[in-house]
Amino acid sequence: MSEHEKRRGLSRRELLKRGAVGGAAVVGAGSLSGSALAAGSRSGKQEAITLRVLTLGVEWPQGVQKQAEKDLGVKFAITAVGSVEQTQKAVTAPESFDIFGGYHQQTLQIFPTGNLQSIDTAKIKNWNQLYPLFNRGKLNPASTACTYGDGSAPFRLLYADSTGKYKVPGISTAANAKAKNKIVQWIDETTGKPVGGLPEPKYTVGPPAHFNMDSMGYNSEVIQLASDKVSWAQLLNPKWKGRVSILNDPTIGMIDAGNAASALGLMKFKHLGNMTKPEIDTLVKILEKYKKQGQFRAFWSTFNESVNLMASKEVVIESMWSPAVALLVAQGVPVKFATPPEGFRGWCSAQAISSKVTDPATLAACYKYLNWMYDGFLGASIMRQGYYIGNGTKLKGWIASDAGKAAGFTPEEYAFWYEGKPAPRDLPGITGQTTDIKKGSVRDGGSFVKRACKYTAWNSFMVENEFQTTRWNDFLSA
């Protein structure tokens, strides 16, 4: 594990423990030999296939592994690690896992190595139910009010193609440009139409399961503003000097800081999610000036740190994830989640299959799992953390079904999380307690349709990633 990874801790996975929702069994990635076990035992009894999952852990809150094993008739050996270590494992040891559950931007580093196989979209039964946000770049492709967002937006990294007919995204790496089987972009964002009038590519790098919009958490007793009035500029507001924190991760923290600098008019970016070297230099110089003036209280690395900084009131505004805010609200801390007028920073998962999975039974089990993710249980489970599932329009029906009711989910929860409606009564949330969400409360930012409209950028792997990391470290040590 690198020093950077040690500093970051387990990032989003920390929420599973902090929120008392982490129950996935973590098993060493190398604990099984070969792809998986499909052979019969000596007694002649068929053994269940075991799928080895290399994951960030977000899609495995308490109860999900047990339900997936019950529904699919397979076993899961789950290895949850931070994003840096996960990428390293995927690049160096593709034989050590079957399923890769990571961030969409990680595929720019991994897929060009040939360690992830192209996934046939025809085998994903819910493919046509996924939000257009993923393949066309907007929830409503015809909307002129909604934005694509800069950087590694999912629609720029969704497809795999070896024909050479499709466009390689502008944020692509040199390795991807040279690879035979490339990550490609189907929609031309200048027209909103397919590139060259081509049909949708047949293969995907990894279907998106869960996703969300990130911004800032803020103490609503100190910063007495409605969530939609809290601009990214507040991170650099001298009024909060010494009480501001941003995420200690150059791939995310620099975008948040860039949002703040842009909102204040201190600088402009051609592409916020794919900064040039001069842009990175200018931004770092701005941040160093604020840092020397004492603007920042801390640079948090783990979920727990972000929660503790806000709970202790050491900070009044910071880069924050929705589940961290939800946890603090459940604990009675006066925290709200900002809905910046400039737009959110988006992130999305990519669920992929190792290229080393060649056994037909194991490969079939991988596809069964990818399809299971959209059946309802996973979507309802991660909903309580504030996350969305890729085919969320179908989730409402599942929750109202006998299966949803038997699993303990209610339509009122969907109405709160997705439709932006006030809670008609106390509802369960991130900790599972029935009083996590208080009667009458409304999700900050409103409905899913409203929240998923405007993005400044998405979590991104920039072309100048190495320079970005170096200059970020310069800022931290200034």
Protein backbone atom coordinates (compact mmCIF):
# COMPACT_ATOMS: atom_id res chain seq x y z
CA MET A 1 0.00 0.00 0.00
CA SER A 2 1.37 3.41 -0.97
CA GLU A 3 1.83 6.28 1.45
CA HIS A 4 -0.94 8.09 -0.37
CA GLU A 5 -3.27 5.15 0.19
CA LYS A 6 -2.38 5.00 3.87
CA ARG A 7 -3.25 8.66 4.26
CA ARG A 8 -6.57 8.21 2.51
CA GLY A 9 -7.59 5.25 4.60
CA LEU A 10 -10.62 3.35 3.32
CA SER A 11 -12.42 6.42 1.99
CA ARG A 12 -16.08 5.69 1.18
CA ARG A 13 -15.82 2.24 2.70
CA GLU A 14 -15.46 3.87 6.11
CA LEU A 15 -19.12 4.79 5.96
CA LEU A 16 -20.04 1.11 6.10
CA LYS A 17 -18.48 0.77 9.53
CA ARG A 18 -19.32 4.22 10.84
CA GLY A 19 -22.94 3.92 9.82
CA ALA A 20 -23.25 0.42 11.26
CA VAL A 21 -24.10 -0.91 7.83
CA GLY A 22 -20.91 -2.77 6.99
CA GLY A 23 -21.33 -6.51 7.08
CA ALA A 24 -19.53 -7.77 4.01
CA ALA A 25 -17.06 -10.54 4.70
CA VAL A 26 -13.61 -9.35 3.64
CA VAL A 27 -11.53 -12.18 2.28
CA GLY A 28 -8.00 -12.02 0.90
CA ALA A 29 -8.03 -11.67 -2.88
CA GLY A 30 -5.61 -14.52 -3.30
CA SER A 31 -7.47 -16.93 -1.05
CA LEU A 32 -8.91 -18.91 -3.95
CA SER A 33 -6.96 -20.38 -6.80
CA GLY A 34 -8.12 -20.02 -10.39
CA SER A 35 -11.27 -18.14 -11.30
CA ALA A 36 -13.71 -19.84 -8.93
CA LEU A 37 -14.83 -23.19 -7.62
CA ALA A 38 -17.34 -24.97 -9.83
CA ALA A 39 -16.24 -28.56 -9.56
CA GLY A 40 -18.05 -31.16 -7.50
CA SER A 41 -16.62 -32.30 -4.18
CA ARG A 42 -15.27 -35.76 -3.54
CA SER A 43 -18.64 -36.76 -2.16
CA GLY A 44 -20.18 -35.91 -5.50
CA LYS A 45 -22.09 -32.92 -4.15
CA GLN A 46 -21.90 -29.80 -6.33
CA GLU A 47 -20.16 -26.88 -4.65
CA ALA A 48 -21.42 -23.36 -5.14
CA ILE A 49 -19.37 -21.12 -7.37
CA THR A 50 -17.45 -18.49 -5.44
CA LEU A 51 -17.01 -15.12 -7.08
CA ARG A 52 -14.06 -13.08 -5.87
CA VAL A 53 -14.97 -9.41 -5.77
CA LEU A 54 -12.36 -6.65 -5.67
CA THR A 55 -14.34 -3.64 -4.49
CA LEU A 56 -14.38 -0.24 -2.85
CA GLY A 57 -17.14 -1.67 -0.64
CA VAL A 58 -19.86 0.83 -1.47
CA GLU A 59 -22.19 -1.74 -3.00
CA TRP A 60 -21.92 -4.14 -0.05
CA PRO A 61 -23.79 -2.60 2.90
CA GLN A 62 -25.14 -4.93 5.56
CA GLY A 63 -27.45 -7.62 4.23
CA VAL A 64 -26.51 -7.35 0.56
CA GLN A 65 -24.04 -10.26 0.46
CA LYS A 66 -26.47 -12.59 2.25
CA GLN A 67 -29.32 -11.64 -0.08
CA ALA A 68 -27.19 -11.93 -3.23
CA GLU A 69 -25.96 -15.38 -2.23
CA LYS A 70 -29.52 -16.47 -1.50
CA ASP A 71 -30.92 -15.15 -4.77
CA LEU A 72 -28.07 -16.27 -7.02
CA GLY A 73 -26.97 -19.52 -5.43
CA VAL A 74 -23.32 -18.46 -5.46
CA LYS A 75 -20.84 -17.44 -2.78
CA PHE A 76 -18.93 -14.17 -2.66
CA ALA A 77 -15.39 -13.62 -1.38
CA ILE A 78 -15.17 -9.86 -1.00
CA THR A 79 -11.95 -7.87 -0.80
CA ALA A 80 -12.67 -4.21 0.00
CA VAL A 81 -9.75 -1.80 -0.39
CA GLY A 82 -9.10 1.86 -1.18
CA SER A 83 -9.14 3.06 -4.77
CA VAL A 84 -5.36 3.33 -5.20
CA GLU A 85 -4.70 -0.21 -3.96
CA GLN A 86 -7.65 -1.49 -5.97
CA THR A 87 -6.27 -0.04 -9.18
CA GLN A 88 -2.83 -1.47 -8.42
CA LYS A 89 -4.31 -4.96 -7.92
CA ALA A 90 -6.39 -4.74 -11.08
CA VAL A 91 -3.35 -3.67 -13.12
CA THR A 92 -0.87 -6.17 -11.67
CA ALA A 93 -2.97 -9.21 -10.68
CA PRO A 94 -6.13 -9.64 -12.77
CA GLU A 95 -6.10 -13.35 -11.94
CA SER A 96 -6.81 -12.52 -8.28
CA PHE A 97 -10.41 -11.39 -8.81
CA ASP A 98 -13.48 -12.09 -10.91
CA ILE A 99 -15.58 -8.96 -10.37
CA PHE A 100 -14.17 -5.43 -10.20
CA GLY A 101 -16.38 -2.90 -8.39
CA GLY A 102 -14.73 0.49 -8.71
CA TYR A 103 -15.16 4.08 -9.85
CA HIS A 104 -15.78 4.75 -13.52
CA GLN A 105 -12.66 6.88 -13.88
CA GLN A 106 -10.44 4.00 -12.74
CA THR A 107 -11.18 2.17 -15.97
CA LEU A 108 -8.98 4.67 -17.85
CA GLN A 109 -6.03 3.21 -15.98
CA ILE A 110 -7.09 -0.43 -16.04
CA PHE A 111 -8.98 -1.27 -19.23
CA PRO A 112 -6.12 -0.37 -21.65
CA THR A 113 -3.96 -3.02 -19.95
CA GLY A 114 -6.32 -5.73 -21.19
CA ASN A 115 -7.08 -6.87 -17.63
CA LEU A 116 -10.83 -6.18 -17.86
CA GLN A 117 -12.95 -7.85 -20.51
CA SER A 118 -15.58 -6.15 -22.64
CA ILE A 119 -19.08 -6.86 -21.37
CA ASP A 120 -21.86 -7.71 -23.82
CA THR A 121 -24.69 -5.25 -23.19
CA ALA A 122 -27.15 -7.72 -24.73
CA LYS A 123 -26.53 -9.91 -21.67
CA ILE A 124 -27.48 -7.11 -19.26
CA LYS A 125 -31.26 -7.47 -19.18
CA ASN A 126 -31.81 -4.04 -17.64
CA TRP A 127 -29.43 -2.23 -19.99
CA ASN A 128 -32.20 -0.28 -21.70
CA GLN A 129 -33.65 0.69 -18.31
CA LEU A 130 -30.53 2.57 -17.20
CA TYR A 131 -30.71 6.33 -16.98
CA PRO A 132 -29.68 8.17 -20.20
CA LEU A 133 -27.25 10.01 -17.93
CA PHE A 134 -24.82 7.13 -18.47
CA ASN A 135 -24.88 6.66 -22.23
CA ARG A 136 -26.07 10.08 -23.45
CA GLY A 137 -24.58 12.31 -20.76
CA LYS A 138 -27.79 13.84 -19.44
CA LEU A 139 -30.81 12.56 -17.55
CA ASN A 140 -32.91 14.33 -20.18
CA PRO A 141 -30.79 14.35 -23.37
CA ALA A 142 -32.93 17.10 -24.89
CA SER A 143 -32.39 19.46 -21.96
CA THR A 144 -30.42 22.64 -22.54
CA ALA A 145 -30.57 23.57 -18.85
CA CYS A 146 -28.74 20.46 -17.66
CA THR A 147 -24.99 20.03 -18.12
CA TYR A 148 -22.70 17.16 -19.09
CA GLY A 149 -20.05 18.13 -16.57
CA ASP A 150 -16.32 18.18 -17.34
CA GLY A 151 -13.88 15.33 -16.98
CA SER A 152 -14.54 11.61 -16.71
CA ALA A 153 -18.32 11.72 -17.04
CA PRO A 154 -19.70 8.15 -17.40
CA PHE A 155 -20.92 8.64 -20.98
CA ARG A 156 -17.34 9.38 -22.05
CA LEU A 157 -16.04 6.13 -20.55
CA LEU A 158 -18.93 3.67 -20.84
CA TYR A 159 -18.19 1.76 -24.03
CA ALA A 160 -15.51 -0.58 -25.35
CA ASP A 161 -14.80 -0.95 -29.06
CA SER A 162 -12.17 -2.53 -31.29
CA THR A 163 -13.55 -1.42 -34.67
CA GLY A 164 -11.94 2.02 -34.65
CA LYS A 165 -15.19 3.67 -35.72
CA TYR A 166 -15.98 5.41 -32.46
CA LYS A 167 -14.44 8.46 -30.82
CA VAL A 168 -11.83 8.09 -28.10
CA PRO A 169 -12.77 10.58 -25.33
CA GLY A 170 -10.72 13.74 -25.04
CA ILE A 171 -9.80 12.89 -21.46
CA SER A 172 -8.34 9.56 -22.58
CA THR A 173 -4.86 8.33 -21.73
CA ALA A 174 -2.11 7.61 -24.24
CA ALA A 175 -2.40 3.91 -23.40
CA ASN A 176 -6.10 3.88 -24.29
CA ALA A 177 -5.44 5.67 -27.57
CA LYS A 178 -2.93 2.96 -28.54
CA ALA A 179 -4.95 -0.04 -27.33
CA LYS A 180 -6.71 -2.27 -29.86
CA ASN A 181 -9.81 -2.46 -27.69
CA LYS A 182 -10.43 1.11 -26.59
CA ILE A 183 -12.71 3.00 -24.25
CA VAL A 184 -14.84 5.09 -26.62
CA GLN A 185 -17.50 7.77 -26.56
CA TRP A 186 -20.78 7.27 -28.43
CA ILE A 187 -22.46 10.67 -28.06
CA ASP A 188 -21.01 13.84 -29.54
CA GLU A 189 -21.60 16.36 -26.79
CA THR A 190 -21.53 19.30 -29.20
CA THR A 191 -24.64 17.97 -30.95
CA GLY A 192 -26.10 15.53 -28.41
CA LYS A 193 -26.28 12.95 -31.19
CA PRO A 194 -24.36 9.70 -31.89
CA VAL A 195 -20.89 10.22 -33.33
CA GLY A 196 -21.13 9.80 -37.09
CA GLY A 197 -24.67 8.52 -36.74
CA LEU A 198 -23.27 5.21 -35.51
CA PRO A 199 -25.43 2.76 -33.51
CA GLU A 200 -24.85 2.28 -29.80
CA PRO A 201 -21.71 0.18 -29.25
CA LYS A 202 -22.39 -3.44 -28.36
CA TYR A 203 -19.92 -3.66 -25.49
CA THR A 204 -19.39 -1.77 -22.25
CA VAL A 205 -16.29 -1.45 -20.08
CA GLY A 206 -18.46 -1.93 -17.01
CA PRO A 207 -22.16 -1.27 -16.40
CA PRO A 208 -22.81 1.48 -13.83
CA ALA A 209 -24.58 0.35 -10.67
CA HIS A 210 -24.56 3.07 -8.00
CA PHE A 211 -23.79 6.76 -8.30
CA ASN A 212 -24.33 10.09 -6.58
CA MET A 213 -23.64 13.81 -6.55
CA ASP A 214 -21.05 15.21 -4.14
CA SER A 215 -20.57 18.71 -2.79
CA MET A 216 -20.10 20.17 0.70
CA GLY A 217 -21.51 19.68 4.16
CA TYR A 218 -21.98 22.80 6.28
CA ASN A 219 -23.05 23.73 9.79
CA SER A 220 -26.47 25.29 9.23
CA GLU A 221 -26.40 27.12 12.58
CA VAL A 222 -23.27 29.00 11.55
CA ILE A 223 -23.81 29.30 7.79
CA GLN A 224 -27.46 30.21 7.78
CA LEU A 225 -28.18 29.67 4.10
CA ALA A 226 -30.52 27.39 2.20
CA SER A 227 -28.67 24.48 0.60
CA ASP A 228 -29.15 25.86 -2.92
CA LYS A 229 -27.57 29.16 -1.87
CA VAL A 230 -24.29 27.60 -0.75
CA SER A 231 -21.79 28.16 -3.55
CA TRP A 232 -18.48 26.33 -3.93
CA ALA A 233 -16.99 29.76 -3.28
CA GLN A 234 -17.79 29.31 0.42
CA LEU A 235 -14.75 27.04 0.73
CA LEU A 236 -12.58 30.13 0.21
CA ASN A 237 -14.77 32.61 2.08
CA PRO A 238 -12.44 34.39 4.58
CA LYS A 239 -15.39 34.54 6.99
CA TRP A 240 -14.80 30.83 7.66
CA LYS A 241 -11.03 31.18 8.02
CA GLY A 242 -9.55 28.29 9.99
CA ARG A 243 -12.82 26.33 9.85
CA VAL A 244 -12.67 24.85 6.34
CA SER A 245 -11.62 21.37 5.25
CA ILE A 246 -11.25 19.71 1.87
CA LEU A 247 -10.62 16.13 0.88
CA ASN A 248 -6.96 15.11 0.81
CA ASP A 249 -7.14 13.44 -2.60
CA PRO A 250 -5.79 15.32 -5.62
CA THR A 251 -8.26 13.68 -8.01
CA ILE A 252 -11.20 15.03 -5.99
CA GLY A 253 -9.86 17.80 -3.75
CA MET A 254 -8.41 19.69 -6.69
CA ILE A 255 -11.76 19.66 -8.50
CA ASP A 256 -13.53 20.98 -5.39
CA ALA A 257 -10.89 23.68 -4.99
CA GLY A 258 -11.16 24.45 -8.69
CA ASN A 259 -14.91 24.85 -8.30
CA ALA A 260 -14.29 27.39 -5.53
CA ALA A 261 -11.69 29.36 -7.46
CA SER A 262 -13.89 29.40 -10.55
CA ALA A 263 -16.97 30.49 -8.60
CA LEU A 264 -14.98 33.43 -7.17
CA GLY A 265 -13.72 34.40 -10.62
CA LEU A 266 -10.10 33.84 -9.59
CA MET A 267 -9.46 31.70 -12.68
CA LYS A 268 -11.16 29.89 -15.52
CA PHE A 269 -10.73 26.30 -16.70
CA LYS A 270 -11.13 24.97 -20.19
CA HIS A 271 -12.05 21.60 -18.67
CA LEU A 272 -12.30 21.47 -14.89
CA GLY A 273 -12.03 17.67 -14.91
CA ASN A 274 -8.97 17.61 -17.14
CA MET A 275 -6.78 20.54 -16.12
CA THR A 276 -3.71 21.57 -18.08
CA LYS A 277 -0.36 21.99 -16.38
CA PRO A 278 -0.65 25.81 -16.37
CA GLU A 279 -4.14 25.55 -14.88
CA ILE A 280 -2.92 23.18 -12.17
CA ASP A 281 -0.02 25.53 -11.40
CA THR A 282 -2.28 28.56 -11.15
CA LEU A 283 -4.78 26.79 -8.92
CA VAL A 284 -2.06 25.52 -6.57
CA LYS A 285 -0.63 29.02 -6.22
CA ILE A 286 -4.10 30.30 -5.28
CA LEU A 287 -4.56 27.52 -2.74
CA GLU A 288 -1.10 28.06 -1.25
CA LYS A 289 -1.98 31.73 -0.68
CA TYR A 290 -5.18 30.79 1.17
CA LYS A 291 -3.39 28.07 3.11
CA LYS A 292 -0.70 30.49 4.35
CA GLN A 293 -3.47 32.85 5.45
CA GLY A 294 -4.91 30.05 7.60
CA GLN A 295 -8.06 29.30 5.59
CA PHE A 296 -7.93 25.52 6.11
CA ARG A 297 -8.36 23.67 9.38
CA ALA A 298 -7.58 20.23 7.97
CA PHE A 299 -7.41 18.01 4.92
CA TRP A 300 -9.45 14.93 5.68
CA SER A 301 -8.59 11.52 4.31
CA THR A 302 -11.29 9.17 5.60
CA PHE A 303 -15.03 9.19 6.07
CA ASN A 304 -14.60 9.16 9.84
CA GLU A 305 -12.36 12.21 9.77
CA SER A 306 -14.91 14.23 7.80
CA VAL A 307 -17.64 13.25 10.25
CA ASN A 308 -15.56 14.02 13.33
CA LEU A 309 -14.39 17.41 12.05
CA MET A 310 -17.98 18.52 11.54
CA ALA A 311 -19.35 16.90 14.69
CA SER A 312 -16.70 18.59 16.84
CA LYS A 313 -17.49 21.93 15.14
CA GLU A 314 -13.81 22.36 14.28
CA VAL A 315 -15.00 23.06 10.75
CA VAL A 316 -18.19 24.70 9.55
CA ILE A 317 -17.89 23.76 5.87
CA GLU A 318 -16.00 21.02 4.07
CA SER A 319 -15.98 18.72 1.08
CA MET A 320 -18.35 15.98 2.15
CA TRP A 321 -20.19 12.91 0.99
CA SER A 322 -23.94 12.59 1.29
CA PRO A 323 -23.82 9.58 3.67
CA ALA A 324 -21.56 11.52 6.07
CA VAL A 325 -24.13 14.31 6.24
CA ALA A 326 -26.93 11.74 6.64
CA LEU A 327 -25.08 10.13 9.54
CA LEU A 328 -24.57 13.44 11.33
CA VAL A 329 -28.20 14.44 10.81
CA ALA A 330 -29.27 11.10 12.30
CA GLN A 331 -27.11 11.97 15.32
CA GLY A 332 -28.74 15.38 15.71
CA VAL A 333 -25.83 17.48 14.43
CA PRO A 334 -27.05 20.63 12.54
CA VAL A 335 -25.50 19.80 9.18
CA LYS A 336 -26.89 20.31 5.70
CA PHE A 337 -25.71 19.14 2.29
CA ALA A 338 -25.01 21.96 -0.15
CA THR A 339 -26.67 22.11 -3.54
CA PRO A 340 -24.23 24.54 -5.20
CA PRO A 341 -25.76 26.83 -7.83
CA GLU A 342 -22.72 26.06 -10.03
CA GLY A 343 -23.53 22.33 -9.96
CA PHE A 344 -22.43 19.12 -8.25
CA ARG A 345 -19.33 17.01 -8.67
CA GLY A 346 -20.55 13.63 -9.85
CA TRP A 347 -19.26 10.12 -9.37
CA CYS A 348 -20.32 6.74 -10.65
CA SER A 349 -19.38 3.08 -10.29
CA ALA A 350 -18.22 0.68 -12.97
CA GLN A 351 -18.82 -3.03 -12.36
CA ALA A 352 -16.41 -5.00 -14.52
CA ILE A 353 -15.22 -8.57 -15.11
CA SER A 354 -11.59 -9.68 -15.10
CA SER A 355 -10.22 -10.80 -18.45
CA LYS A 356 -8.93 -13.92 -16.68
CA VAL A 357 -12.48 -15.21 -16.17
CA THR A 358 -12.73 -17.78 -18.95
CA ASP A 359 -14.54 -20.68 -17.26
CA PRO A 360 -18.08 -20.67 -18.75
CA ALA A 361 -19.83 -21.35 -15.44
CA THR A 362 -17.91 -18.61 -13.64
CA LEU A 363 -18.49 -16.13 -16.45
CA ALA A 364 -22.22 -16.92 -16.40
CA ALA A 365 -22.25 -16.33 -12.64
CA CYS A 366 -20.56 -12.94 -13.13
CA TYR A 367 -23.27 -11.89 -15.57
CA LYS A 368 -25.95 -13.15 -13.19
CA TYR A 369 -24.52 -10.92 -10.48
CA LEU A 370 -24.33 -7.88 -12.77
CA ASN A 371 -28.00 -8.39 -13.61
CA TRP A 372 -28.95 -8.98 -9.97
CA MET A 373 -27.62 -5.54 -9.01
CA TYR A 374 -30.59 -3.95 -10.80
CA ASP A 375 -33.31 -6.25 -9.43
CA GLY A 376 -34.21 -4.05 -6.45
CA PHE A 377 -32.58 -5.16 -3.21
CA LEU A 378 -29.23 -3.47 -3.82
CA GLY A 379 -30.87 -0.26 -5.01
CA ALA A 380 -33.10 -0.08 -1.95
CA SER A 381 -30.20 -0.83 0.40
CA ILE A 382 -27.85 1.85 -0.92
CA MET A 383 -30.77 4.31 -1.14
CA ARG A 384 -30.64 4.54 2.65
CA GLN A 385 -27.05 5.78 2.34
CA GLY A 386 -28.13 8.51 -0.06
CA TYR A 387 -26.93 6.70 -3.19
CA TYR A 388 -28.85 6.01 -6.39
CA ILE A 389 -29.05 2.82 -8.48
CA GLY A 390 -28.56 2.93 -12.25
CA ASN A 391 -32.16 1.94 -13.06
CA GLY A 392 -33.82 3.87 -10.26
CA THR A 393 -37.10 4.35 -12.14
CA LYS A 394 -37.76 0.62 -11.68
CA LEU A 395 -36.85 0.66 -8.00
CA LYS A 396 -40.14 2.25 -6.94
CA GLY A 397 -42.12 -0.70 -8.31
CA TRP A 398 -39.87 -3.24 -6.62
CA ILE A 399 -40.16 -1.50 -3.25
CA ALA A 400 -43.96 -1.64 -3.54
CA SER A 401 -43.86 -5.33 -4.50
CA ASP A 402 -44.15 -8.25 -2.11
CA ALA A 403 -40.37 -8.74 -2.31
CA GLY A 404 -39.71 -5.12 -1.35
CA LYS A 405 -42.19 -5.21 1.50
CA ALA A 406 -40.78 -8.49 2.80
CA ALA A 407 -37.31 -6.92 2.81
CA GLY A 408 -38.58 -4.06 4.97
CA PHE A 409 -38.53 -1.18 2.48
CA THR A 410 -41.40 1.26 2.02
CA PRO A 411 -42.64 3.61 -0.74
CA GLU A 412 -42.26 6.52 1.69
CA GLU A 413 -38.49 5.98 1.65
CA TYR A 414 -38.36 6.15 -2.14
CA ALA A 415 -40.48 9.28 -2.05
CA PHE A 416 -38.00 10.89 0.36
CA TRP A 417 -34.77 9.89 -1.37
CA TYR A 418 -35.79 10.02 -5.04
CA GLU A 419 -38.81 12.30 -5.28
CA GLY A 420 -37.76 14.96 -2.78
CA LYS A 421 -40.94 14.65 -0.74
CA PRO A 422 -41.14 15.35 3.01
CA ALA A 423 -40.93 12.30 5.24
CA PRO A 424 -44.53 11.56 6.34
CA ARG A 425 -43.16 9.91 9.46
CA ASP A 426 -39.81 8.95 10.95
CA LEU A 427 -37.95 6.71 8.48
CA PRO A 428 -34.94 4.40 8.66
CA GLY A 429 -31.74 5.69 7.12
CA ILE A 430 -28.01 5.10 7.12
CA THR A 431 -27.77 3.46 10.55
CA GLY A 432 -30.93 1.40 10.07
CA GLN A 433 -32.60 3.04 13.05
CA THR A 434 -36.25 3.91 12.42
CA THR A 435 -35.67 7.51 13.52
CA ASP A 436 -32.70 8.35 11.26
CA ILE A 437 -34.89 10.55 9.09
CA LYS A 438 -37.21 12.77 11.08
CA LYS A 439 -40.83 13.34 10.14
CA GLY A 440 -41.21 16.39 7.91
CA SER A 441 -37.58 16.52 6.78
CA VAL A 442 -36.73 16.88 3.09
CA ARG A 443 -33.61 15.72 1.30
CA ASP A 444 -31.25 18.62 0.61
CA GLY A 445 -31.27 19.40 -3.09
CA GLY A 446 -34.72 17.94 -3.63
CA SER A 447 -35.66 15.24 -6.09
CA PHE A 448 -33.32 13.02 -8.05
CA VAL A 449 -34.36 14.68 -11.31
CA LYS A 450 -33.37 18.07 -9.92
CA ARG A 451 -30.13 16.90 -8.33
CA ALA A 452 -28.97 14.97 -11.41
CA CYS A 453 -29.33 17.93 -13.77
CA LYS A 454 -26.32 20.15 -13.19
CA TYR A 455 -22.70 19.08 -12.85
CA THR A 456 -19.54 21.14 -12.92
CA ALA A 457 -17.40 18.01 -13.30
CA TRP A 458 -17.17 14.33 -12.45
CA ASN A 459 -14.52 12.51 -10.47
CA SER A 460 -11.78 12.30 -13.05
CA PHE A 461 -8.51 10.70 -14.00
CA MET A 462 -6.73 13.63 -15.64
CA VAL A 463 -4.21 13.32 -18.44
CA GLU A 464 -1.77 15.30 -16.28
CA ASN A 465 -2.42 13.04 -13.29
CA GLU A 466 1.22 12.70 -12.24
CA PHE A 467 1.85 16.43 -12.40
CA GLN A 468 -1.44 17.03 -10.60
CA THR A 469 -0.41 14.74 -7.74
CA THR A 470 3.03 16.35 -7.46
CA ARG A 471 1.63 19.86 -7.30
CA TRP A 472 -1.07 18.82 -4.83
CA ASN A 473 1.64 17.53 -2.51
CA ASP A 474 3.46 20.82 -2.95
CA PHE A 475 0.31 22.59 -1.78
CA LEU A 476 -0.07 20.33 1.26
CA SER A 477 3.52 20.95 2.33
CA ALA A 478 3.44 24.72 1.68
